[in-house]
Amino acid sequence: MELQLTKPICFFDLETTGINVAKDRIVEIAILKIFPNGNKESKTWLVNPEMSIPDEVVAVHGISNEKVANEPTFKELSKEIYQMIKDSDLGGFNSNRFDIPLLAEEMLRAEVDFDMKSMNSVDVQTIFHKMEKRTLGAAYKFYCGKELTDAHSAEADTKATYEVLLSQLDRYPELDNNIKKLAEFSAHKRFADFAGFIMYDEDDEEAFSFGKHKGKKVHDVLEKEPGYFGWMLNADFPLYTKKVLTQIKLSKLNTKLG
């Protein structure tokens, strides 16, 4: 079975310096772009993270500080990477919770105005966990009947993720071969940001999902407690969360002025 696409989808995987979305950096990124006509384009970049890669992380993906010392920084690669994905939906394995949030942080640090409003995101791990509850290596063996021999290589993981999704569509006829529907199925809760600090409530309005204002509408909180906006902008929240918060505040101001 092939994916039914109305626009391209980019499956991608990151290897990083760690798992902190706000602080860690990309050391490798692989993208496999699938076009509606079935054509494929793939590219992999090693990235100088401009910070030290901890030994315990090197032990996982095998990318050492020496290996990336002379590679371009993400900022130097950002426009090329963005050019490849900007017209596409996105797909990955645990991508909604990790890869997309971290990619967004890197893009915003590089002053690329990255925004997901026109993109669907299909998280193959979520589909897998909802259907079988396993890991990528087990998913690859279960769905594709093959061993993932080069796990934690961004390129191998990216190709395996794409093959797993195709096999999932073959195995589960109840899955709709439609990127928007797959994105909805693979989502956990609907969030306005990637990191999950701002969710959509039952009225489909932005609300805080954490802290003392959990469940309260963002615009209500910002109106009653203006200092909360400044606190979030100055605190250690991801850049994309701050961007979404600012957009909500500006939208409310524009509504009042209008």
C-alpha atoms as a PDB file:
ATOM      1  CA  MET A   1       0.000   0.000   0.000  1.00  0.00           C
ATOM      2  CA  GLU A   2       1.176   3.518  -0.786  1.00  0.00           C
ATOM      3  CA  LEU A   3       0.274   6.669   1.126  1.00  0.00           C
ATOM      4  CA  GLN A   4      -2.531   8.746  -0.350  1.00  0.00           C
ATOM      5  CA  LEU A   5      -1.038  12.223  -0.409  1.00  0.00           C
ATOM      6  CA  THR A   6      -2.346  15.602  -1.465  1.00  0.00           C
ATOM      7  CA  LYS A   7       1.008  17.221  -0.659  1.00  0.00           C
ATOM      8  CA  PRO A   8       4.458  15.875   0.285  1.00  0.00           C
ATOM      9  CA  ILE A   9       5.205  14.384   3.694  1.00  0.00           C
ATOM     10  CA  CYS A  10       8.662  14.483   5.280  1.00  0.00           C
ATOM     11  CA  PHE A  11       9.556  11.635   7.592  1.00  0.00           C
ATOM     12  CA  PHE A  12      12.453  12.724   9.753  1.00  0.00           C
ATOM     13  CA  ASP A  13      14.543  11.658  12.727  1.00  0.00           C
ATOM     14  CA  LEU A  14      16.940  13.525  15.002  1.00  0.00           C
ATOM     15  CA  GLU A  15      19.969  12.459  16.970  1.00  0.00           C
ATOM     16  CA  THR A  16      20.679  14.994  19.704  1.00  0.00           C
ATOM     17  CA  THR A  17      22.849  15.955  22.659  1.00  0.00           C
ATOM     18  CA  GLY A  18      20.068  14.929  25.069  1.00  0.00           C
ATOM     19  CA  ILE A  19      16.306  14.966  25.670  1.00  0.00           C
ATOM     20  CA  ASN A  20      15.721  18.504  26.996  1.00  0.00           C
ATOM     21  CA  VAL A  21      13.746  20.203  24.221  1.00  0.00           C
ATOM     22  CA  ALA A  22      14.597  23.721  25.407  1.00  0.00           C
ATOM     23  CA  LYS A  23      18.334  23.184  25.946  1.00  0.00           C
ATOM     24  CA  ASP A  24      19.635  20.293  23.872  1.00  0.00           C
ATOM     25  CA  ARG A  25      20.770  20.475  20.252  1.00  0.00           C
ATOM     26  CA  ILE A  26      20.652  18.415  17.061  1.00  0.00           C
ATOM     27  CA  VAL A  27      23.770  16.461  16.018  1.00  0.00           C
ATOM     28  CA  GLU A  28      22.214  14.609  13.075  1.00  0.00           C
ATOM     29  CA  ILE A  29      19.022  14.999  11.058  1.00  0.00           C
ATOM     30  CA  ALA A  30      17.726  12.726   8.318  1.00  0.00           C
ATOM     31  CA  ILE A  31      14.729  13.554   6.130  1.00  0.00           C
ATOM     32  CA  LEU A  32      12.877  11.261   3.726  1.00  0.00           C
ATOM     33  CA  LYS A  33      10.455  13.285   1.600  1.00  0.00           C
ATOM     34  CA  ILE A  34       7.616  11.423  -0.123  1.00  0.00           C
ATOM     35  CA  PHE A  35       5.787  13.207  -2.959  1.00  0.00           C
ATOM     36  CA  PRO A  36       2.158  12.599  -4.033  1.00  0.00           C
ATOM     37  CA  ASN A  37       3.394  11.029  -7.288  1.00  0.00           C
ATOM     38  CA  GLY A  38       5.450   8.468  -5.324  1.00  0.00           C
ATOM     39  CA  ASN A  39       8.837  10.092  -5.882  1.00  0.00           C
ATOM     40  CA  LYS A  40      11.213  10.156  -2.911  1.00  0.00           C
ATOM     41  CA  GLU A  41      14.010  12.477  -1.874  1.00  0.00           C
ATOM     42  CA  SER A  42      16.274  11.861   1.110  1.00  0.00           C
ATOM     43  CA  LYS A  43      19.026  13.783   2.812  1.00  0.00           C
ATOM     44  CA  THR A  44      21.089  13.419   6.006  1.00  0.00           C
ATOM     45  CA  TRP A  45      23.155  16.083   7.734  1.00  0.00           C
ATOM     46  CA  LEU A  46      25.638  15.885  10.596  1.00  0.00           C
ATOM     47  CA  VAL A  47      25.415  19.029  12.716  1.00  0.00           C
ATOM     48  CA  ASN A  48      27.861  20.787  15.015  1.00  0.00           C
ATOM     49  CA  PRO A  49      25.694  21.370  18.123  1.00  0.00           C
ATOM     50  CA  GLU A  50      28.011  24.061  19.509  1.00  0.00           C
ATOM     51  CA  MET A  51      27.949  22.267  22.857  1.00  0.00           C
ATOM     52  CA  SER A  52      29.521  19.120  24.276  1.00  0.00           C
ATOM     53  CA  ILE A  53      27.819  15.782  23.628  1.00  0.00           C
ATOM     54  CA  PRO A  54      27.755  13.809  26.917  1.00  0.00           C
ATOM     55  CA  ASP A  55      29.546  10.443  26.902  1.00  0.00           C
ATOM     56  CA  GLU A  56      26.365   8.569  27.837  1.00  0.00           C
ATOM     57  CA  VAL A  57      24.606  10.074  24.792  1.00  0.00           C
ATOM     58  CA  VAL A  58      27.530   9.251  22.476  1.00  0.00           C
ATOM     59  CA  ALA A  59      27.178   5.649  23.709  1.00  0.00           C
ATOM     60  CA  VAL A  60      23.595   5.617  22.382  1.00  0.00           C
ATOM     61  CA  HIS A  61      23.975   7.081  18.875  1.00  0.00           C
ATOM     62  CA  GLY A  62      27.732   6.882  18.328  1.00  0.00           C
ATOM     63  CA  ILE A  63      28.145  10.499  17.231  1.00  0.00           C
ATOM     64  CA  SER A  64      31.127  11.951  19.071  1.00  0.00           C
ATOM     65  CA  ASN A  65      32.251  15.535  19.576  1.00  0.00           C
ATOM     66  CA  GLU A  66      35.148  14.883  17.210  1.00  0.00           C
ATOM     67  CA  LYS A  67      32.827  13.581  14.498  1.00  0.00           C
ATOM     68  CA  VAL A  68      30.823  16.816  14.349  1.00  0.00           C
ATOM     69  CA  ALA A  69      33.572  19.315  15.206  1.00  0.00           C
ATOM     70  CA  ASN A  70      34.005  20.422  11.584  1.00  0.00           C
ATOM     71  CA  GLU A  71      30.384  20.051  10.508  1.00  0.00           C
ATOM     72  CA  PRO A  72      28.116  23.077   9.868  1.00  0.00           C
ATOM     73  CA  THR A  73      25.977  24.451  12.689  1.00  0.00           C
ATOM     74  CA  PHE A  74      22.202  24.129  12.568  1.00  0.00           C
ATOM     75  CA  LYS A  75      21.914  27.835  11.832  1.00  0.00           C
ATOM     76  CA  GLU A  76      24.098  27.343   8.750  1.00  0.00           C
ATOM     77  CA  LEU A  77      21.895  24.443   7.611  1.00  0.00           C
ATOM     78  CA  SER A  78      18.536  25.838   8.714  1.00  0.00           C
ATOM     79  CA  LYS A  79      17.445  27.460   5.441  1.00  0.00           C
ATOM     80  CA  GLU A  80      18.284  24.330   3.415  1.00  0.00           C
ATOM     81  CA  ILE A  81      16.411  22.102   5.858  1.00  0.00           C
ATOM     82  CA  TYR A  82      13.426  24.446   6.018  1.00  0.00           C
ATOM     83  CA  GLN A  83      13.300  24.621   2.218  1.00  0.00           C
ATOM     84  CA  MET A  84      12.929  20.837   2.146  1.00  0.00           C
ATOM     85  CA  ILE A  85      10.089  20.625   4.685  1.00  0.00           C
ATOM     86  CA  LYS A  86       8.150  23.889   4.412  1.00  0.00           C
ATOM     87  CA  ASP A  87       5.601  22.634   1.854  1.00  0.00           C
ATOM     88  CA  SER A  88       5.098  19.277   3.569  1.00  0.00           C
ATOM     89  CA  ASP A  89       3.361  17.439   6.369  1.00  0.00           C
ATOM     90  CA  LEU A  90       5.676  15.762   8.892  1.00  0.00           C
ATOM     91  CA  GLY A  91       6.032  12.171  10.067  1.00  0.00           C
ATOM     92  CA  GLY A  92       8.225  10.508  12.649  1.00  0.00           C
ATOM     93  CA  PHE A  93       8.542   8.119  15.570  1.00  0.00           C
ATOM     94  CA  ASN A  94       7.762   9.928  18.858  1.00  0.00           C
ATOM     95  CA  SER A  95       7.964  13.060  16.715  1.00  0.00           C
ATOM     96  CA  ASN A  96       5.031  14.920  18.266  1.00  0.00           C
ATOM     97  CA  ARG A  97       6.595  14.802  21.730  1.00  0.00           C
ATOM     98  CA  PHE A  98      10.275  15.169  20.884  1.00  0.00           C
ATOM     99  CA  ASP A  99      11.547  15.579  17.315  1.00  0.00           C
ATOM    100  CA  ILE A 100       9.120  18.298  16.186  1.00  0.00           C
ATOM    101  CA  PRO A 101       9.409  20.373  19.405  1.00  0.00           C
ATOM    102  CA  LEU A 102      13.216  20.227  19.275  1.00  0.00           C
ATOM    103  CA  LEU A 103      13.323  20.990  15.541  1.00  0.00           C
ATOM    104  CA  ALA A 104      11.058  23.990  16.157  1.00  0.00           C
ATOM    105  CA  GLU A 105      13.418  25.264  18.882  1.00  0.00           C
ATOM    106  CA  GLU A 106      16.421  24.962  16.565  1.00  0.00           C
ATOM    107  CA  MET A 107      14.566  26.737  13.742  1.00  0.00           C
ATOM    108  CA  LEU A 108      13.517  29.630  15.971  1.00  0.00           C
ATOM    109  CA  ARG A 109      17.038  29.943  17.416  1.00  0.00           C
ATOM    110  CA  ALA A 110      18.248  30.169  13.804  1.00  0.00           C
ATOM    111  CA  GLU A 111      15.657  32.938  13.206  1.00  0.00           C
ATOM    112  CA  VAL A 112      13.596  30.818  10.806  1.00  0.00           C
ATOM    113  CA  ASP A 113       9.894  31.532  11.346  1.00  0.00           C
ATOM    114  CA  PHE A 114       8.895  27.867  11.678  1.00  0.00           C
ATOM    115  CA  ASP A 115       5.171  27.299  12.143  1.00  0.00           C
ATOM    116  CA  MET A 116       3.071  24.117  12.111  1.00  0.00           C
ATOM    117  CA  LYS A 117      -0.302  25.733  11.343  1.00  0.00           C
ATOM    118  CA  SER A 118      -0.355  24.477   7.756  1.00  0.00           C
ATOM    119  CA  MET A 119       1.255  21.106   8.566  1.00  0.00           C
ATOM    120  CA  ASN A 120      -0.208  17.817   9.760  1.00  0.00           C
ATOM    121  CA  SER A 121       2.043  15.628  11.892  1.00  0.00           C
ATOM    122  CA  VAL A 122       1.777  11.831  11.900  1.00  0.00           C
ATOM    123  CA  ASP A 123       3.413  10.152  14.903  1.00  0.00           C
ATOM    124  CA  VAL A 124       3.986   6.531  13.925  1.00  0.00           C
ATOM    125  CA  GLN A 125       4.946   5.627  17.506  1.00  0.00           C
ATOM    126  CA  THR A 126       1.527   6.698  18.774  1.00  0.00           C
ATOM    127  CA  ILE A 127      -0.232   4.605  16.136  1.00  0.00           C
ATOM    128  CA  PHE A 128       2.010   1.684  17.091  1.00  0.00           C
ATOM    129  CA  HIS A 129       1.391   2.099  20.827  1.00  0.00           C
ATOM    130  CA  LYS A 130      -2.362   2.407  20.327  1.00  0.00           C
ATOM    131  CA  MET A 131      -2.356  -0.746  18.216  1.00  0.00           C
ATOM    132  CA  GLU A 132       0.432  -2.927  19.665  1.00  0.00           C
ATOM    133  CA  LYS A 133       2.357  -1.029  22.407  1.00  0.00           C
ATOM    134  CA  ARG A 134       5.987  -1.773  21.457  1.00  0.00           C
ATOM    135  CA  THR A 135       9.269   0.040  20.484  1.00  0.00           C
ATOM    136  CA  LEU A 136      10.651   0.985  17.037  1.00  0.00           C
ATOM    137  CA  GLY A 137      12.860  -2.125  16.752  1.00  0.00           C
ATOM    138  CA  ALA A 138       9.939  -4.356  17.743  1.00  0.00           C
ATOM    139  CA  ALA A 139       7.617  -2.401  15.440  1.00  0.00           C
ATOM    140  CA  TYR A 140       9.957  -2.939  12.507  1.00  0.00           C
ATOM    141  CA  LYS A 141      10.165  -6.670  13.211  1.00  0.00           C
ATOM    142  CA  PHE A 142       6.435  -6.992  13.921  1.00  0.00           C
ATOM    143  CA  TYR A 143       5.165  -5.061  10.903  1.00  0.00           C
ATOM    144  CA  CYS A 144       7.937  -5.532   8.355  1.00  0.00           C
ATOM    145  CA  GLY A 145       9.402  -8.900   9.421  1.00  0.00           C
ATOM    146  CA  LYS A 146      12.925  -7.443   9.457  1.00  0.00           C
ATOM    147  CA  GLU A 147      15.538  -6.671  12.095  1.00  0.00           C
ATOM    148  CA  LEU A 148      16.492  -3.008  12.608  1.00  0.00           C
ATOM    149  CA  THR A 149      20.232  -3.632  12.431  1.00  0.00           C
ATOM    150  CA  ASP A 150      21.385  -0.004  12.576  1.00  0.00           C
ATOM    151  CA  ALA A 151      19.131   1.422  15.303  1.00  0.00           C
ATOM    152  CA  HIS A 152      19.947   4.955  16.534  1.00  0.00           C
ATOM    153  CA  SER A 153      21.274   5.875  13.117  1.00  0.00           C
ATOM    154  CA  ALA A 154      19.005   8.725  12.017  1.00  0.00           C
ATOM    155  CA  GLU A 155      18.908   7.459   8.417  1.00  0.00           C
ATOM    156  CA  ALA A 156      18.058   3.855   9.389  1.00  0.00           C
ATOM    157  CA  ASP A 157      15.409   4.974  11.898  1.00  0.00           C
ATOM    158  CA  THR A 158      13.837   7.320   9.343  1.00  0.00           C
ATOM    159  CA  LYS A 159      13.523   4.638   6.658  1.00  0.00           C
ATOM    160  CA  ALA A 160      12.234   2.100   9.202  1.00  0.00           C
ATOM    161  CA  THR A 161       9.589   4.569  10.409  1.00  0.00           C
ATOM    162  CA  TYR A 162       8.319   5.104   6.848  1.00  0.00           C
ATOM    163  CA  GLU A 163       8.191   1.338   6.178  1.00  0.00           C
ATOM    164  CA  VAL A 164       6.369   0.716   9.479  1.00  0.00           C
ATOM    165  CA  LEU A 165       3.646   3.236   8.585  1.00  0.00           C
ATOM    166  CA  LEU A 166       3.081   1.598   5.196  1.00  0.00           C
ATOM    167  CA  SER A 167       2.792  -1.800   6.901  1.00  0.00           C
ATOM    168  CA  GLN A 168       0.414  -0.366   9.520  1.00  0.00           C
ATOM    169  CA  LEU A 169      -1.881   0.808   6.718  1.00  0.00           C
ATOM    170  CA  ASP A 170      -1.790  -2.689   5.202  1.00  0.00           C
ATOM    171  CA  ARG A 171      -2.452  -4.398   8.542  1.00  0.00           C
ATOM    172  CA  TYR A 172      -5.221  -2.141   9.890  1.00  0.00           C
ATOM    173  CA  PRO A 173      -7.958  -1.465   7.320  1.00  0.00           C
ATOM    174  CA  GLU A 174      -9.679   0.763   9.896  1.00  0.00           C
ATOM    175  CA  LEU A 175      -6.807   3.263   9.581  1.00  0.00           C
ATOM    176  CA  ASP A 176      -7.698   5.929   7.025  1.00  0.00           C
ATOM    177  CA  ASN A 177      -4.968   6.365   4.390  1.00  0.00           C
ATOM    178  CA  ASN A 178      -5.163  10.126   4.762  1.00  0.00           C
ATOM    179  CA  ILE A 179      -2.438  12.234   6.359  1.00  0.00           C
ATOM    180  CA  LYS A 180      -4.850  14.529   8.206  1.00  0.00           C
ATOM    181  CA  LYS A 181      -6.735  11.544   9.689  1.00  0.00           C
ATOM    182  CA  LEU A 182      -3.467   9.766  10.558  1.00  0.00           C
ATOM    183  CA  ALA A 183      -2.251  12.944  12.255  1.00  0.00           C
ATOM    184  CA  GLU A 184      -5.449  13.110  14.314  1.00  0.00           C
ATOM    185  CA  PHE A 185      -5.191   9.428  15.240  1.00  0.00           C
ATOM    186  CA  SER A 186      -1.523   9.705  16.238  1.00  0.00           C
ATOM    187  CA  ALA A 187      -2.057  12.817  18.364  1.00  0.00           C
ATOM    188  CA  HIS A 188      -2.364  12.522  22.140  1.00  0.00           C
ATOM    189  CA  LYS A 189      -4.166  15.701  23.127  1.00  0.00           C
ATOM    190  CA  ARG A 190      -4.466  18.716  20.896  1.00  0.00           C
ATOM    191  CA  PHE A 191      -1.896  21.318  21.835  1.00  0.00           C
ATOM    192  CA  ALA A 192      -1.292  24.796  20.455  1.00  0.00           C
ATOM    193  CA  ASP A 193       2.424  24.448  21.154  1.00  0.00           C
ATOM    194  CA  PHE A 194       4.628  21.370  20.752  1.00  0.00           C
ATOM    195  CA  ALA A 195       5.759  20.923  24.337  1.00  0.00           C
ATOM    196  CA  GLY A 196       2.223  20.640  25.694  1.00  0.00           C
ATOM    197  CA  PHE A 197       2.026  23.737  27.890  1.00  0.00           C
ATOM    198  CA  ILE A 198      -0.904  25.233  25.946  1.00  0.00           C
ATOM    199  CA  MET A 199      -3.756  22.898  24.988  1.00  0.00           C
ATOM    200  CA  TYR A 200      -7.104  23.312  23.274  1.00  0.00           C
ATOM    201  CA  ASP A 201     -10.081  23.024  25.640  1.00  0.00           C
ATOM    202  CA  GLU A 202     -13.608  21.764  24.979  1.00  0.00           C
ATOM    203  CA  ASP A 203     -14.443  25.119  23.362  1.00  0.00           C
ATOM    204  CA  ASP A 204     -11.460  24.695  21.010  1.00  0.00           C
ATOM    205  CA  GLU A 205      -9.748  27.661  22.682  1.00  0.00           C
ATOM    206  CA  GLU A 206      -6.205  27.797  24.017  1.00  0.00           C
ATOM    207  CA  ALA A 207      -5.876  26.918  27.717  1.00  0.00           C
ATOM    208  CA  PHE A 208      -2.942  26.300  30.043  1.00  0.00           C
ATOM    209  CA  SER A 209      -2.227  22.629  30.737  1.00  0.00           C
ATOM    210  CA  PHE A 210       0.053  23.112  33.746  1.00  0.00           C
ATOM    211  CA  GLY A 211       0.531  24.959  37.021  1.00  0.00           C
ATOM    212  CA  LYS A 212      -1.855  27.131  38.976  1.00  0.00           C
ATOM    213  CA  HIS A 213      -3.808  28.124  35.847  1.00  0.00           C
ATOM    214  CA  LYS A 214      -4.236  24.572  34.506  1.00  0.00           C
ATOM    215  CA  GLY A 215      -7.461  24.337  32.506  1.00  0.00           C
ATOM    216  CA  LYS A 216      -7.985  28.105  32.370  1.00  0.00           C
ATOM    217  CA  LYS A 217      -8.235  29.914  29.050  1.00  0.00           C
ATOM    218  CA  VAL A 218      -5.004  31.678  28.150  1.00  0.00           C
ATOM    219  CA  HIS A 219      -6.615  34.984  27.167  1.00  0.00           C
ATOM    220  CA  ASP A 220      -8.564  35.077  30.468  1.00  0.00           C
ATOM    221  CA  VAL A 221      -5.383  34.532  32.487  1.00  0.00           C
ATOM    222  CA  LEU A 222      -3.414  37.143  30.533  1.00  0.00           C
ATOM    223  CA  GLU A 223      -6.216  39.666  31.010  1.00  0.00           C
ATOM    224  CA  LYS A 224      -6.605  39.090  34.761  1.00  0.00           C
ATOM    225  CA  GLU A 225      -2.906  38.542  35.507  1.00  0.00           C
ATOM    226  CA  PRO A 226      -0.836  40.465  32.925  1.00  0.00           C
ATOM    227  CA  GLY A 227       2.429  39.652  34.723  1.00  0.00           C
ATOM    228  CA  TYR A 228       2.003  35.962  33.896  1.00  0.00           C
ATOM    229  CA  PHE A 229       2.866  36.688  30.269  1.00  0.00           C
ATOM    230  CA  GLY A 230       6.155  38.340  31.244  1.00  0.00           C
ATOM    231  CA  TRP A 231       6.976  35.547  33.659  1.00  0.00           C
ATOM    232  CA  MET A 232       6.546  32.895  30.937  1.00  0.00           C
ATOM    233  CA  LEU A 233       8.610  34.849  28.418  1.00  0.00           C
ATOM    234  CA  ASN A 234      11.479  35.150  30.898  1.00  0.00           C
ATOM    235  CA  ALA A 235      11.222  31.608  32.283  1.00  0.00           C
ATOM    236  CA  ASP A 236      12.786  28.449  30.837  1.00  0.00           C
ATOM    237  CA  PHE A 237       9.955  27.559  28.433  1.00  0.00           C
ATOM    238  CA  PRO A 238      10.592  26.446  24.824  1.00  0.00           C
ATOM    239  CA  LEU A 239      10.820  29.237  22.258  1.00  0.00           C
ATOM    240  CA  TYR A 240       7.859  27.861  20.309  1.00  0.00           C
ATOM    241  CA  THR A 241       5.664  27.939  23.430  1.00  0.00           C
ATOM    242  CA  LYS A 242       6.620  31.595  23.903  1.00  0.00           C
ATOM    243  CA  LYS A 243       5.852  32.288  20.248  1.00  0.00           C
ATOM    244  CA  VAL A 244       2.365  30.741  20.541  1.00  0.00           C
ATOM    245  CA  LEU A 245       1.715  32.651  23.775  1.00  0.00           C
ATOM    246  CA  THR A 246       2.696  35.915  22.090  1.00  0.00           C
ATOM    247  CA  GLN A 247       0.436  35.147  19.103  1.00  0.00           C
ATOM    248  CA  ILE A 248      -2.507  34.581  21.469  1.00  0.00           C
ATOM    249  CA  LYS A 249      -1.834  37.851  23.278  1.00  0.00           C
ATOM    250  CA  LEU A 250      -1.494  39.820  20.029  1.00  0.00           C
ATOM    251  CA  SER A 251      -4.629  38.208  18.622  1.00  0.00           C
ATOM    252  CA  LYS A 252      -6.616  39.314  21.656  1.00  0.00           C
ATOM    253  CA  LEU A 253      -5.224  42.855  21.413  1.00  0.00           C
ATOM    254  CA  ASN A 254      -6.072  43.047  17.708  1.00  0.00           C
ATOM    255  CA  THR A 255      -9.628  41.867  18.470  1.00  0.00           C
ATOM    256  CA  LYS A 256     -10.042  44.630  21.056  1.00  0.00           C
ATOM    257  CA  LEU A 257      -8.604  47.292  18.728  1.00  0.00           C
ATOM    258  CA  GLY A 258     -10.807  46.081  15.883  1.00  0.00           C
END
